[in-house]
Amino acid sequence: MAELEKAGVPTAGIVDRTFEKNWQASSKVFGVKVLRKLLVPRPLVGLKPEDVHPFVDAVFEELVSALTAPMEAAATDATAD
């Protein structure tokens, strides 16, 4: 994701709240000041697609905003709790 951001391609990750600090630290390690994120209450790894859909549906409007707003606004909005 960091390489895409560096190339000017907007990205946004769906991140479990328990990994938020790790996400922020990783963005700095990969040379990107801010990587947009949308927070979900639990890890989605290992869930069946039909169990993931409600989590994605809940953040979908935020996702669209994060990917279409200028980086400053998207980063601020998408990282708010």
C-alpha atoms as a PDB file:
ATOM      1  CA  MET A   1       0.000   0.000   0.000  1.00  0.00           C
ATOM      2  CA  ALA A   2       2.806   2.393   0.833  1.00  0.00           C
ATOM      3  CA  GLU A   3       4.315   1.998  -2.634  1.00  0.00           C
ATOM      4  CA  LEU A   4       0.940   2.705  -4.246  1.00  0.00           C
ATOM      5  CA  GLU A   5       0.543   5.845  -2.113  1.00  0.00           C
ATOM      6  CA  LYS A   6       4.036   6.977  -3.075  1.00  0.00           C
ATOM      7  CA  ALA A   7       3.018   6.533  -6.724  1.00  0.00           C
ATOM      8  CA  GLY A   8      -0.070   8.688  -6.175  1.00  0.00           C
ATOM      9  CA  VAL A   9      -2.629   5.884  -6.035  1.00  0.00           C
ATOM     10  CA  PRO A  10      -5.036   6.338  -3.104  1.00  0.00           C
ATOM     11  CA  THR A  11      -5.290   3.385  -0.743  1.00  0.00           C
ATOM     12  CA  ALA A  12      -7.107   2.639   2.504  1.00  0.00           C
ATOM     13  CA  GLY A  13      -6.728  -0.379   4.724  1.00  0.00           C
ATOM     14  CA  ILE A  14      -9.403  -2.045   6.793  1.00  0.00           C
ATOM     15  CA  VAL A  15      -7.652  -2.516  10.117  1.00  0.00           C
ATOM     16  CA  ASP A  16      -8.654  -4.302  13.320  1.00  0.00           C
ATOM     17  CA  ARG A  17      -8.589  -1.810  16.203  1.00  0.00           C
ATOM     18  CA  THR A  18      -6.017  -3.892  18.075  1.00  0.00           C
ATOM     19  CA  PHE A  19      -3.554  -3.378  15.203  1.00  0.00           C
ATOM     20  CA  GLU A  20      -3.977   0.398  14.885  1.00  0.00           C
ATOM     21  CA  LYS A  21      -0.615   1.293  16.480  1.00  0.00           C
ATOM     22  CA  ASN A  22       1.115  -1.343  14.355  1.00  0.00           C
ATOM     23  CA  TRP A  23      -0.519   0.149  11.236  1.00  0.00           C
ATOM     24  CA  GLN A  24       0.730   3.625  12.132  1.00  0.00           C
ATOM     25  CA  ALA A  25       4.249   2.375  12.873  1.00  0.00           C
ATOM     26  CA  SER A  26       4.339   0.393   9.626  1.00  0.00           C
ATOM     27  CA  SER A  27       3.421   3.419   7.555  1.00  0.00           C
ATOM     28  CA  LYS A  28       6.446   5.258   8.907  1.00  0.00           C
ATOM     29  CA  VAL A  29       8.723   2.239   8.350  1.00  0.00           C
ATOM     30  CA  PHE A  30       7.646   2.126   4.701  1.00  0.00           C
ATOM     31  CA  GLY A  31       8.251   5.855   4.268  1.00  0.00           C
ATOM     32  CA  VAL A  32       4.687   7.137   4.198  1.00  0.00           C
ATOM     33  CA  LYS A  33       3.674   9.705   6.788  1.00  0.00           C
ATOM     34  CA  VAL A  34       0.049   8.571   6.867  1.00  0.00           C
ATOM     35  CA  LEU A  35      -1.700   5.515   5.460  1.00  0.00           C
ATOM     36  CA  ARG A  36      -5.457   5.866   5.454  1.00  0.00           C
ATOM     37  CA  LYS A  37      -7.285   3.290   7.501  1.00  0.00           C
ATOM     38  CA  LEU A  38     -10.772   2.236   8.457  1.00  0.00           C
ATOM     39  CA  LEU A  39     -11.110   0.601  11.839  1.00  0.00           C
ATOM     40  CA  VAL A  40     -13.157  -2.523  12.475  1.00  0.00           C
ATOM     41  CA  PRO A  41     -13.746  -4.132  15.876  1.00  0.00           C
ATOM     42  CA  ARG A  42     -12.157  -7.529  15.174  1.00  0.00           C
ATOM     43  CA  PRO A  43      -9.765  -9.282  12.789  1.00  0.00           C
ATOM     44  CA  LEU A  44     -11.378 -10.336   9.504  1.00  0.00           C
ATOM     45  CA  VAL A  45      -8.767 -12.964   8.646  1.00  0.00           C
ATOM     46  CA  GLY A  46     -10.191 -16.462   8.612  1.00  0.00           C
ATOM     47  CA  LEU A  47     -13.816 -15.376   8.353  1.00  0.00           C
ATOM     48  CA  LYS A  48     -16.069 -16.629   5.603  1.00  0.00           C
ATOM     49  CA  PRO A  49     -16.887 -14.001   2.965  1.00  0.00           C
ATOM     50  CA  GLU A  50     -20.481 -13.786   4.153  1.00  0.00           C
ATOM     51  CA  ASP A  51     -19.199 -12.995   7.672  1.00  0.00           C
ATOM     52  CA  VAL A  52     -16.856 -10.270   6.398  1.00  0.00           C
ATOM     53  CA  HIS A  53     -19.543  -8.415   4.427  1.00  0.00           C
ATOM     54  CA  PRO A  54     -21.250  -6.771   7.446  1.00  0.00           C
ATOM     55  CA  PHE A  55     -17.927  -5.320   8.626  1.00  0.00           C
ATOM     56  CA  VAL A  56     -17.111  -3.940   5.185  1.00  0.00           C
ATOM     57  CA  ASP A  57     -20.657  -2.646   4.720  1.00  0.00           C
ATOM     58  CA  ALA A  58     -20.329  -0.753   8.024  1.00  0.00           C
ATOM     59  CA  VAL A  59     -17.253   1.181   6.797  1.00  0.00           C
ATOM     60  CA  PHE A  60     -18.106   1.402   3.096  1.00  0.00           C
ATOM     61  CA  GLU A  61     -19.048   5.106   3.056  1.00  0.00           C
ATOM     62  CA  GLU A  62     -15.866   5.912   4.994  1.00  0.00           C
ATOM     63  CA  LEU A  63     -13.911   3.873   2.454  1.00  0.00           C
ATOM     64  CA  VAL A  64     -15.332   5.829  -0.456  1.00  0.00           C
ATOM     65  CA  SER A  65     -14.578   9.119   1.323  1.00  0.00           C
ATOM     66  CA  ALA A  66     -11.046   8.020   2.204  1.00  0.00           C
ATOM     67  CA  LEU A  67     -10.296   7.090  -1.400  1.00  0.00           C
ATOM     68  CA  THR A  68     -11.859  10.141  -3.037  1.00  0.00           C
ATOM     69  CA  ALA A  69     -11.054  13.002  -0.641  1.00  0.00           C
ATOM     70  CA  PRO A  70      -7.712  14.813  -0.744  1.00  0.00           C
ATOM     71  CA  MET A  71      -5.121  12.992   1.377  1.00  0.00           C
ATOM     72  CA  GLU A  72      -5.177  15.516   4.227  1.00  0.00           C
ATOM     73  CA  ALA A  73      -8.947  15.281   4.652  1.00  0.00           C
ATOM     74  CA  ALA A  74      -9.075  11.535   4.027  1.00  0.00           C
ATOM     75  CA  ALA A  75      -6.293  10.807   6.510  1.00  0.00           C
ATOM     76  CA  THR A  76      -7.959  12.903   9.189  1.00  0.00           C
ATOM     77  CA  ASP A  77     -11.438  11.460   8.631  1.00  0.00           C
ATOM     78  CA  ALA A  78     -10.434   7.830   8.170  1.00  0.00           C
ATOM     79  CA  THR A  79      -8.262   7.721  11.279  1.00  0.00           C
ATOM     80  CA  ALA A  80     -10.857   9.177  13.631  1.00  0.00           C
ATOM     81  CA  ASP A  81     -12.379   6.794  16.137  1.00  0.00           C
END
